[in-house]
Amino acid sequence: MSEPAPNPAATAFPAPTISLPLGLEILRTYSGALICLEIVFGGLVWILVAASNVPVPLLQGWVMFVSLLTFFLSSTYLALLITGLADRINTDWNVVDVLYHLVALLFYFAAFVLEAATTAANGGAHIKPLANSTETVLCITYPQGNVFTVLDPRQFSINVAATIFSFVVTLCYGCSLFMGFKRWRM
């Protein structure tokens, strides 16, 4: 008797390629630690921008979109690695890792620049009492440039923290991209 012909659908896809450990062992690697930092600091950017009541929606809308999107995508990616489901999905995970971190790096760099621009464009508004009067006046110092925002001191402080954390997340994505590229080329 001859053996049955193999199913062409079963032989069309290569086995998944992943050079990262699966399960909780991923947390012991630099890549796993960086993904955790991306999630934590990205969540902080999201929370801080939302806490500032988004005073400049035109600029900070992109920051909110990027921080939310990458927070959920990084969380999903880490969950796939921890649960071991990445081994069941037939794809080259090294390429997916590099492409994801490249796109996330570009998006987060743009978000960092926009958040920094929002913070730097603060006009330094403060309330000052008029001399020899009971009236008060809002004094605004115009910064150089075309973009002008009026942030109260609380919003300004929150935006400074969001700018710092978005820079840290950008660095984390850059390091993850570098390490993913090294794994992919090996």
N, C-alpha and C. Protein backbone atom coordinates (compact mmCIF):
# COMPACT_ATOMS: atom_id res chain seq x y z
N MET A 1 0.83 -1.17 0.00
CA MET A 1 0.00 0.00 0.00
C MET A 1 0.88 1.24 0.00
N SER A 2 0.42 2.25 -0.67
CA SER A 2 1.16 3.50 -0.67
C SER A 2 0.62 4.41 0.43
N GLU A 3 1.50 5.28 0.87
CA GLU A 3 1.09 6.21 1.93
C GLU A 3 0.29 7.34 1.32
N PRO A 4 -0.63 7.91 2.09
CA PRO A 4 -1.44 9.01 1.57
C PRO A 4 -0.55 10.24 1.34
N ALA A 5 -0.94 11.04 0.37
CA ALA A 5 -0.19 12.27 0.07
C ALA A 5 -0.34 13.25 1.23
N PRO A 6 0.73 13.97 1.54
CA PRO A 6 0.62 14.94 2.63
C PRO A 6 -0.30 16.10 2.25
N ASN A 7 -0.92 16.62 3.24
CA ASN A 7 -1.82 17.74 3.06
C ASN A 7 -0.98 18.97 2.68
N PRO A 8 -1.23 19.61 1.51
CA PRO A 8 -0.41 20.76 1.11
C PRO A 8 -0.56 21.94 2.06
N ALA A 9 -1.69 22.10 2.72
CA ALA A 9 -1.87 23.21 3.64
C ALA A 9 -0.97 23.05 4.86
N ALA A 10 -0.71 21.81 5.26
CA ALA A 10 0.12 21.58 6.44
C ALA A 10 1.59 21.81 6.13
N THR A 11 2.00 21.69 4.90
CA THR A 11 3.41 21.87 4.57
C THR A 11 3.71 23.24 4.00
N ALA A 12 2.71 24.09 3.83
CA ALA A 12 2.93 25.39 3.21
C ALA A 12 3.50 26.41 4.19
N PHE A 13 3.29 26.23 5.47
CA PHE A 13 3.76 27.20 6.44
C PHE A 13 4.96 26.66 7.18
N PRO A 14 6.00 27.48 7.32
CA PRO A 14 7.15 27.02 8.10
C PRO A 14 6.83 27.05 9.59
N ALA A 15 7.65 26.37 10.33
CA ALA A 15 7.49 26.37 11.78
C ALA A 15 7.80 27.77 12.31
N PRO A 16 7.19 28.15 13.43
CA PRO A 16 7.47 29.48 13.96
C PRO A 16 8.95 29.63 14.33
N THR A 17 9.48 30.81 14.05
CA THR A 17 10.86 31.10 14.37
C THR A 17 10.88 32.15 15.47
N ILE A 18 11.39 31.78 16.61
CA ILE A 18 11.49 32.72 17.72
C ILE A 18 12.76 32.38 18.49
N SER A 19 13.54 33.41 18.76
CA SER A 19 14.78 33.17 19.49
C SER A 19 14.68 33.63 20.94
N LEU A 20 13.53 34.14 21.34
CA LEU A 20 13.31 34.52 22.74
C LEU A 20 12.74 33.33 23.49
N PRO A 21 13.07 33.21 24.76
CA PRO A 21 12.47 32.12 25.54
C PRO A 21 10.98 32.40 25.78
N LEU A 22 10.23 31.35 25.92
CA LEU A 22 8.80 31.48 26.19
C LEU A 22 8.52 31.20 27.66
N GLY A 23 7.37 31.61 28.12
CA GLY A 23 7.02 31.43 29.52
C GLY A 23 7.60 32.55 30.36
N LEU A 24 7.69 32.30 31.64
CA LEU A 24 8.21 33.33 32.54
C LEU A 24 9.70 33.59 32.36
N GLU A 25 10.38 32.73 31.60
CA GLU A 25 11.80 32.93 31.33
C GLU A 25 12.05 34.20 30.51
N ILE A 26 11.03 34.67 29.79
CA ILE A 26 11.19 35.90 29.00
C ILE A 26 11.50 37.08 29.91
N LEU A 27 11.00 37.05 31.14
CA LEU A 27 11.22 38.16 32.07
C LEU A 27 12.65 38.21 32.59
N ARG A 28 13.41 37.14 32.37
CA ARG A 28 14.81 37.11 32.81
C ARG A 28 15.76 37.63 31.73
N THR A 29 15.24 37.98 30.59
CA THR A 29 16.08 38.48 29.50
C THR A 29 16.00 40.01 29.47
N TYR A 30 16.97 40.62 28.79
CA TYR A 30 16.95 42.07 28.63
C TYR A 30 15.75 42.50 27.79
N SER A 31 15.42 41.71 26.78
CA SER A 31 14.27 42.05 25.93
C SER A 31 12.97 42.03 26.72
N GLY A 32 12.79 41.03 27.56
CA GLY A 32 11.60 40.96 28.40
C GLY A 32 11.52 42.12 29.38
N ALA A 33 12.67 42.47 29.96
CA ALA A 33 12.69 43.60 30.89
C ALA A 33 12.37 44.90 30.16
N LEU A 34 12.89 45.05 28.95
CA LEU A 34 12.59 46.27 28.20
C LEU A 34 11.11 46.34 27.82
N ILE A 35 10.52 45.22 27.47
CA ILE A 35 9.10 45.22 27.14
C ILE A 35 8.29 45.62 28.38
N CYS A 36 8.68 45.13 29.54
CA CYS A 36 8.00 45.52 30.78
C CYS A 36 8.15 47.02 31.04
N LEU A 37 9.36 47.56 30.80
CA LEU A 37 9.57 49.00 30.97
C LEU A 37 8.75 49.81 29.97
N GLU A 38 8.66 49.30 28.72
CA GLU A 38 7.84 49.98 27.71
C GLU A 38 6.38 50.05 28.18
N ILE A 39 5.90 48.97 28.77
CA ILE A 39 4.51 48.94 29.23
C ILE A 39 4.31 49.90 30.41
N VAL A 40 5.21 49.85 31.37
CA VAL A 40 5.06 50.67 32.59
C VAL A 40 5.20 52.16 32.25
N PHE A 41 6.27 52.54 31.57
CA PHE A 41 6.49 53.95 31.27
C PHE A 41 5.50 54.46 30.21
N GLY A 42 5.13 53.60 29.26
CA GLY A 42 4.10 53.99 28.30
C GLY A 42 2.76 54.22 28.97
N GLY A 43 2.43 53.40 29.96
CA GLY A 43 1.22 53.62 30.73
C GLY A 43 1.27 54.92 31.52
N LEU A 44 2.46 55.25 32.03
CA LEU A 44 2.62 56.52 32.74
C LEU A 44 2.42 57.72 31.80
N VAL A 45 2.94 57.62 30.58
CA VAL A 45 2.72 58.70 29.60
C VAL A 45 1.24 58.87 29.34
N TRP A 46 0.56 57.76 29.13
CA TRP A 46 -0.87 57.78 28.87
C TRP A 46 -1.61 58.43 30.05
N ILE A 47 -1.31 58.01 31.27
CA ILE A 47 -1.99 58.53 32.46
C ILE A 47 -1.68 60.00 32.66
N LEU A 48 -0.42 60.39 32.47
CA LEU A 48 -0.04 61.80 32.69
C LEU A 48 -0.69 62.73 31.68
N VAL A 49 -0.70 62.34 30.43
CA VAL A 49 -1.33 63.20 29.42
C VAL A 49 -2.83 63.29 29.69
N ALA A 50 -3.45 62.19 30.05
CA ALA A 50 -4.88 62.23 30.37
C ALA A 50 -5.13 63.07 31.63
N ALA A 51 -4.22 63.02 32.59
CA ALA A 51 -4.39 63.79 33.83
C ALA A 51 -4.24 65.29 33.61
N SER A 52 -3.54 65.67 32.54
CA SER A 52 -3.38 67.11 32.26
C SER A 52 -4.60 67.67 31.54
N ASN A 53 -5.63 66.86 31.34
CA ASN A 53 -6.87 67.24 30.66
C ASN A 53 -6.64 67.62 29.20
N VAL A 54 -5.56 67.18 28.62
CA VAL A 54 -5.21 67.37 27.21
C VAL A 54 -5.48 68.82 26.80
N PRO A 55 -4.65 69.76 27.29
CA PRO A 55 -4.91 71.17 26.99
C PRO A 55 -4.68 71.54 25.52
N VAL A 56 -3.89 70.77 24.80
CA VAL A 56 -3.65 71.04 23.38
C VAL A 56 -4.00 69.77 22.60
N PRO A 57 -5.28 69.55 22.30
CA PRO A 57 -5.68 68.29 21.68
C PRO A 57 -5.05 68.05 20.31
N LEU A 58 -4.75 69.11 19.58
CA LEU A 58 -4.17 68.93 18.26
C LEU A 58 -2.80 68.25 18.34
N LEU A 59 -2.01 68.60 19.33
CA LEU A 59 -0.69 68.00 19.50
C LEU A 59 -0.75 66.74 20.36
N GLN A 60 -1.50 66.82 21.45
CA GLN A 60 -1.48 65.72 22.40
C GLN A 60 -2.42 64.57 22.03
N GLY A 61 -3.24 64.75 21.04
CA GLY A 61 -4.08 63.65 20.57
C GLY A 61 -3.22 62.51 20.01
N TRP A 62 -2.18 62.88 19.28
CA TRP A 62 -1.26 61.85 18.76
C TRP A 62 -0.53 61.16 19.90
N VAL A 63 -0.15 61.91 20.91
CA VAL A 63 0.56 61.32 22.05
C VAL A 63 -0.35 60.30 22.75
N MET A 64 -1.61 60.65 22.93
CA MET A 64 -2.56 59.72 23.55
C MET A 64 -2.75 58.48 22.69
N PHE A 65 -2.91 58.67 21.37
CA PHE A 65 -3.10 57.54 20.47
C PHE A 65 -1.91 56.59 20.52
N VAL A 66 -0.71 57.14 20.42
CA VAL A 66 0.50 56.30 20.41
C VAL A 66 0.68 55.60 21.74
N SER A 67 0.52 56.32 22.84
CA SER A 67 0.75 55.70 24.14
C SER A 67 -0.27 54.59 24.42
N LEU A 68 -1.53 54.81 24.05
CA LEU A 68 -2.54 53.77 24.25
C LEU A 68 -2.29 52.57 23.33
N LEU A 69 -2.04 52.84 22.05
CA LEU A 69 -1.84 51.76 21.09
C LEU A 69 -0.64 50.90 21.46
N THR A 70 0.49 51.52 21.74
CA THR A 70 1.69 50.74 22.06
C THR A 70 1.57 50.07 23.42
N PHE A 71 0.85 50.68 24.35
CA PHE A 71 0.63 50.03 25.64
C PHE A 71 -0.10 48.70 25.45
N PHE A 72 -1.17 48.72 24.67
CA PHE A 72 -1.94 47.50 24.46
C PHE A 72 -1.20 46.49 23.57
N LEU A 73 -0.50 46.97 22.55
CA LEU A 73 0.24 46.04 21.69
C LEU A 73 1.42 45.41 22.42
N SER A 74 2.14 46.19 23.22
CA SER A 74 3.24 45.61 23.99
C SER A 74 2.73 44.64 25.04
N SER A 75 1.60 44.97 25.65
CA SER A 75 1.01 44.05 26.64
C SER A 75 0.59 42.74 25.97
N THR A 76 0.01 42.83 24.79
CA THR A 76 -0.39 41.64 24.05
C THR A 76 0.83 40.81 23.64
N TYR A 77 1.86 41.48 23.16
CA TYR A 77 3.09 40.80 22.75
C TYR A 77 3.72 40.07 23.93
N LEU A 78 3.80 40.74 25.08
CA LEU A 78 4.36 40.10 26.26
C LEU A 78 3.48 38.94 26.72
N ALA A 79 2.17 39.11 26.64
CA ALA A 79 1.26 38.01 27.03
C ALA A 79 1.43 36.80 26.11
N LEU A 80 1.63 37.04 24.80
CA LEU A 80 1.88 35.93 23.88
C LEU A 80 3.16 35.19 24.22
N LEU A 81 4.17 35.91 24.64
CA LEU A 81 5.44 35.28 24.99
C LEU A 81 5.35 34.54 26.33
N ILE A 82 4.68 35.14 27.30
CA ILE A 82 4.59 34.51 28.62
C ILE A 82 3.72 33.26 28.56
N THR A 83 2.61 33.32 27.84
CA THR A 83 1.72 32.16 27.79
C THR A 83 2.21 31.07 26.84
N GLY A 84 3.18 31.39 26.00
CA GLY A 84 3.71 30.41 25.06
C GLY A 84 2.89 30.29 23.79
N LEU A 85 1.90 31.15 23.62
CA LEU A 85 1.07 31.10 22.42
C LEU A 85 1.85 31.52 21.17
N ALA A 86 2.94 32.22 21.35
CA ALA A 86 3.75 32.62 20.19
C ALA A 86 4.30 31.41 19.47
N ASP A 87 4.49 30.32 20.18
CA ASP A 87 5.03 29.11 19.57
C ASP A 87 3.98 28.41 18.71
N ARG A 88 2.72 28.71 18.93
CA ARG A 88 1.64 28.07 18.17
C ARG A 88 1.25 28.85 16.92
N ILE A 89 1.70 30.10 16.82
CA ILE A 89 1.38 30.94 15.66
C ILE A 89 2.55 30.84 14.69
N ASN A 90 2.28 30.34 13.50
CA ASN A 90 3.32 30.11 12.51
C ASN A 90 3.72 31.42 11.83
N THR A 91 4.75 32.04 12.35
CA THR A 91 5.31 33.25 11.77
C THR A 91 6.75 33.39 12.23
N ASP A 92 7.47 34.26 11.58
CA ASP A 92 8.84 34.55 12.00
C ASP A 92 8.77 35.66 13.05
N TRP A 93 8.78 35.28 14.31
CA TRP A 93 8.62 36.24 15.39
C TRP A 93 9.78 37.22 15.48
N ASN A 94 10.94 36.84 14.99
CA ASN A 94 12.08 37.76 15.00
C ASN A 94 11.82 38.94 14.07
N VAL A 95 11.22 38.68 12.91
CA VAL A 95 10.87 39.76 11.99
C VAL A 95 9.73 40.60 12.56
N VAL A 96 8.74 39.96 13.14
CA VAL A 96 7.63 40.69 13.75
C VAL A 96 8.15 41.59 14.87
N ASP A 97 9.09 41.08 15.66
CA ASP A 97 9.68 41.85 16.75
C ASP A 97 10.38 43.10 16.21
N VAL A 98 11.18 42.94 15.18
CA VAL A 98 11.92 44.08 14.61
C VAL A 98 10.95 45.09 14.00
N LEU A 99 9.98 44.62 13.23
CA LEU A 99 9.04 45.54 12.58
C LEU A 99 8.18 46.27 13.61
N TYR A 100 7.72 45.55 14.63
CA TYR A 100 6.90 46.20 15.65
C TYR A 100 7.70 47.27 16.39
N HIS A 101 8.91 46.94 16.80
CA HIS A 101 9.70 47.92 17.54
C HIS A 101 10.15 49.08 16.66
N LEU A 102 10.33 48.86 15.37
CA LEU A 102 10.67 49.97 14.47
C LEU A 102 9.50 50.94 14.35
N VAL A 103 8.31 50.42 14.11
CA VAL A 103 7.13 51.28 13.99
C VAL A 103 6.85 51.97 15.32
N ALA A 104 6.96 51.24 16.43
CA ALA A 104 6.72 51.84 17.75
C ALA A 104 7.74 52.94 18.04
N LEU A 105 9.00 52.71 17.66
CA LEU A 105 10.04 53.73 17.87
C LEU A 105 9.72 54.99 17.07
N LEU A 106 9.34 54.85 15.82
CA LEU A 106 9.01 56.02 15.00
C LEU A 106 7.79 56.76 15.55
N PHE A 107 6.76 56.01 15.92
CA PHE A 107 5.56 56.64 16.48
C PHE A 107 5.88 57.35 17.80
N TYR A 108 6.63 56.68 18.67
CA TYR A 108 6.91 57.28 19.98
C TYR A 108 7.87 58.45 19.87
N PHE A 109 8.77 58.42 18.89
CA PHE A 109 9.64 59.58 18.70
C PHE A 109 8.80 60.80 18.30
N ALA A 110 7.85 60.59 17.40
CA ALA A 110 6.96 61.69 17.01
C ALA A 110 6.14 62.16 18.20
N ALA A 111 5.66 61.23 19.02
CA ALA A 111 4.88 61.59 20.20
C ALA A 111 5.74 62.38 21.19
N PHE A 112 6.99 61.95 21.36
CA PHE A 112 7.90 62.67 22.26
C PHE A 112 8.12 64.10 21.77
N VAL A 113 8.33 64.27 20.47
CA VAL A 113 8.57 65.61 19.92
C VAL A 113 7.33 66.48 20.11
N LEU A 114 6.14 65.94 19.87
CA LEU A 114 4.92 66.72 20.04
C LEU A 114 4.65 67.06 21.51
N GLU A 115 4.92 66.13 22.40
CA GLU A 115 4.73 66.41 23.83
C GLU A 115 5.74 67.46 24.30
N ALA A 116 6.97 67.37 23.82
CA ALA A 116 7.98 68.37 24.18
C ALA A 116 7.60 69.74 23.61
N ALA A 117 7.05 69.77 22.40
CA ALA A 117 6.62 71.04 21.80
C ALA A 117 5.48 71.65 22.58
N THR A 118 4.55 70.82 23.05
CA THR A 118 3.44 71.32 23.85
C THR A 118 3.96 71.94 25.15
N THR A 119 4.90 71.27 25.77
CA THR A 119 5.45 71.76 27.03
C THR A 119 6.29 73.01 26.81
N ALA A 120 7.09 73.02 25.76
CA ALA A 120 7.96 74.17 25.51
C ALA A 120 7.19 75.40 25.05
N ALA A 121 6.01 75.22 24.50
CA ALA A 121 5.23 76.35 23.99
C ALA A 121 4.41 77.03 25.09
N ASN A 122 4.63 76.62 26.32
CA ASN A 122 3.90 77.24 27.42
C ASN A 122 4.25 78.71 27.50
N GLY A 123 3.23 79.54 27.58
CA GLY A 123 3.46 80.98 27.62
C GLY A 123 3.82 81.51 28.98
N GLY A 124 3.84 80.70 29.97
CA GLY A 124 4.18 81.17 31.30
C GLY A 124 3.12 82.08 31.86
N ALA A 125 1.88 81.69 31.76
CA ALA A 125 0.78 82.52 32.26
C ALA A 125 0.78 82.51 33.78
N HIS A 126 0.56 83.67 34.35
CA HIS A 126 0.41 83.76 35.80
C HIS A 126 -0.51 84.93 36.12
N ILE A 127 -1.17 84.85 37.25
CA ILE A 127 -2.09 85.91 37.67
C ILE A 127 -1.32 86.85 38.58
N LYS A 128 -1.42 88.12 38.26
CA LYS A 128 -0.66 89.13 38.99
C LYS A 128 -1.60 90.26 39.40
N PRO A 129 -1.56 90.65 40.66
CA PRO A 129 -2.41 91.78 41.07
C PRO A 129 -1.85 93.09 40.51
N LEU A 130 -2.75 93.99 40.13
CA LEU A 130 -2.33 95.30 39.65
C LEU A 130 -1.90 96.16 40.83
N ALA A 131 -0.94 96.99 40.58
CA ALA A 131 -0.44 97.88 41.64
C ALA A 131 -1.53 98.89 42.00
N ASN A 132 -1.69 99.15 43.29
CA ASN A 132 -2.65 100.13 43.82
C ASN A 132 -4.08 99.86 43.35
N SER A 133 -4.45 98.57 43.26
CA SER A 133 -5.80 98.24 42.81
C SER A 133 -6.19 96.88 43.40
N THR A 134 -7.47 96.65 43.42
CA THR A 134 -7.96 95.35 43.87
C THR A 134 -8.16 94.40 42.70
N GLU A 135 -7.92 94.86 41.49
CA GLU A 135 -8.07 94.06 40.28
C GLU A 135 -6.84 93.18 40.07
N THR A 136 -7.06 92.08 39.40
CA THR A 136 -5.94 91.21 39.02
C THR A 136 -5.94 91.08 37.50
N VAL A 137 -4.81 90.72 36.98
CA VAL A 137 -4.66 90.60 35.54
C VAL A 137 -3.89 89.32 35.24
N LEU A 138 -4.23 88.70 34.12
CA LEU A 138 -3.52 87.51 33.67
C LEU A 138 -2.36 87.97 32.81
N CYS A 139 -1.14 87.69 33.24
CA CYS A 139 0.04 88.09 32.49
C CYS A 139 0.55 86.88 31.71
N ILE A 140 0.82 87.08 30.44
CA ILE A 140 1.30 86.01 29.58
C ILE A 140 2.59 86.46 28.93
N THR A 141 3.60 85.64 29.06
CA THR A 141 4.87 85.89 28.39
C THR A 141 4.86 85.06 27.11
N TYR A 142 4.91 85.71 25.97
CA TYR A 142 4.86 84.99 24.70
C TYR A 142 6.22 84.38 24.38
N PRO A 143 6.25 83.05 24.15
CA PRO A 143 7.51 82.43 23.74
C PRO A 143 7.74 82.68 22.25
N GLN A 144 8.97 82.48 21.82
CA GLN A 144 9.26 82.62 20.40
C GLN A 144 8.72 81.41 19.66
N GLY A 145 8.18 81.62 18.50
CA GLY A 145 7.63 80.52 17.71
C GLY A 145 6.18 80.77 17.38
N ASN A 146 5.59 79.86 16.65
CA ASN A 146 4.22 80.02 16.19
C ASN A 146 3.21 79.35 17.10
N VAL A 147 3.62 78.36 17.88
CA VAL A 147 2.69 77.63 18.73
C VAL A 147 2.72 78.25 20.12
N PHE A 148 1.54 78.48 20.66
CA PHE A 148 1.45 79.11 21.97
C PHE A 148 0.40 78.37 22.78
N THR A 149 0.76 77.96 23.98
CA THR A 149 -0.19 77.30 24.87
C THR A 149 -0.20 78.00 26.21
N VAL A 150 -1.32 77.93 26.87
CA VAL A 150 -1.43 78.47 28.23
C VAL A 150 -1.71 77.29 29.14
N LEU A 151 -0.71 76.91 29.92
CA LEU A 151 -0.83 75.80 30.85
C LEU A 151 -0.74 76.34 32.26
N ASP A 152 -1.63 75.89 33.13
CA ASP A 152 -1.48 76.27 34.52
C ASP A 152 -0.29 75.50 35.09
N PRO A 153 0.22 75.88 36.26
CA PRO A 153 1.42 75.21 36.79
C PRO A 153 1.27 73.70 36.95
N ARG A 154 0.07 73.24 37.31
CA ARG A 154 -0.16 71.80 37.44
C ARG A 154 -0.04 71.10 36.09
N GLN A 155 -0.69 71.66 35.07
CA GLN A 155 -0.61 71.08 33.74
C GLN A 155 0.82 71.12 33.20
N PHE A 156 1.51 72.20 33.46
CA PHE A 156 2.89 72.30 33.00
C PHE A 156 3.76 71.22 33.64
N SER A 157 3.62 71.02 34.94
CA SER A 157 4.41 69.99 35.63
C SER A 157 4.08 68.60 35.12
N ILE A 158 2.81 68.33 34.90
CA ILE A 158 2.40 67.03 34.38
C ILE A 158 2.96 66.83 32.97
N ASN A 159 2.94 67.87 32.14
CA ASN A 159 3.46 67.74 30.79
C ASN A 159 4.97 67.58 30.77
N VAL A 160 5.68 68.19 31.72
CA VAL A 160 7.12 67.96 31.82
C VAL A 160 7.39 66.49 32.14
N ALA A 161 6.65 65.94 33.10
CA ALA A 161 6.82 64.53 33.45
C ALA A 161 6.46 63.62 32.28
N ALA A 162 5.39 63.95 31.55
CA ALA A 162 5.00 63.15 30.38
C ALA A 162 6.07 63.22 29.30
N THR A 163 6.69 64.37 29.13
CA THR A 163 7.77 64.50 28.15
C THR A 163 8.96 63.64 28.53
N ILE A 164 9.32 63.65 29.79
CA ILE A 164 10.46 62.84 30.26
C ILE A 164 10.17 61.36 30.07
N PHE A 165 8.98 60.92 30.47
CA PHE A 165 8.65 59.50 30.34
C PHE A 165 8.51 59.09 28.88
N SER A 166 8.01 59.97 28.02
CA SER A 166 7.93 59.61 26.61
C SER A 166 9.32 59.49 26.00
N PHE A 167 10.27 60.27 26.48
CA PHE A 167 11.66 60.11 26.03
C PHE A 167 12.23 58.77 26.50
N VAL A 168 11.94 58.41 27.74
CA VAL A 168 12.41 57.13 28.27
C VAL A 168 11.81 55.96 27.48
N VAL A 169 10.52 56.05 27.16
CA VAL A 169 9.88 54.98 26.38
C VAL A 169 10.49 54.92 24.99
N THR A 170 10.78 56.07 24.40
CA THR A 170 11.43 56.09 23.09
C THR A 170 12.77 55.39 23.14
N LEU A 171 13.55 55.63 24.20
CA LEU A 171 14.83 54.94 24.36
C LEU A 171 14.64 53.44 24.53
N CYS A 172 13.63 53.04 25.29
CA CYS A 172 13.35 51.61 25.48
C CYS A 172 13.02 50.94 24.16
N TYR A 173 12.18 51.59 23.35
CA TYR A 173 11.85 51.01 22.04
C TYR A 173 13.07 50.97 21.13
N GLY A 174 13.94 51.97 21.23
CA GLY A 174 15.17 51.95 20.44
C GLY A 174 16.09 50.81 20.84
N CYS A 175 16.24 50.59 22.14
CA CYS A 175 17.07 49.46 22.61
C CYS A 175 16.45 48.12 22.22
N SER A 176 15.12 48.01 22.31
CA SER A 176 14.45 46.78 21.90
C SER A 176 14.63 46.53 20.41
N LEU A 177 14.57 47.59 19.62
CA LEU A 177 14.79 47.45 18.18
C LEU A 177 16.20 46.98 17.89
N PHE A 178 17.17 47.55 18.58
CA PHE A 178 18.57 47.16 18.38
C PHE A 178 18.77 45.69 18.73
N MET A 179 18.25 45.26 19.88
CA MET A 179 18.42 43.87 20.28
C MET A 179 17.63 42.92 19.38
N GLY A 180 16.45 43.33 18.94
CA GLY A 180 15.67 42.50 18.02
C GLY A 180 16.37 42.37 16.67
N PHE A 181 17.00 43.44 16.22
CA PHE A 181 17.73 43.39 14.95
C PHE A 181 18.92 42.45 15.06
N LYS A 182 19.60 42.48 16.21
CA LYS A 182 20.73 41.55 16.41
C LYS A 182 20.25 40.10 16.41
N ARG A 183 19.12 39.83 17.06
CA ARG A 183 18.58 38.47 17.07
C ARG A 183 18.15 38.03 15.68
N TRP A 184 17.57 38.94 14.92
CA TRP A 184 17.07 38.61 13.60
C TRP A 184 18.23 38.32 12.64
N ARG A 185 19.33 39.01 12.76
CA ARG A 185 20.47 38.82 11.86
C ARG A 185 21.32 37.62 12.23
N MET A 186 21.12 37.05 13.39
CA MET A 186 21.93 35.89 13.80
C MET A 186 21.45 34.63 13.17
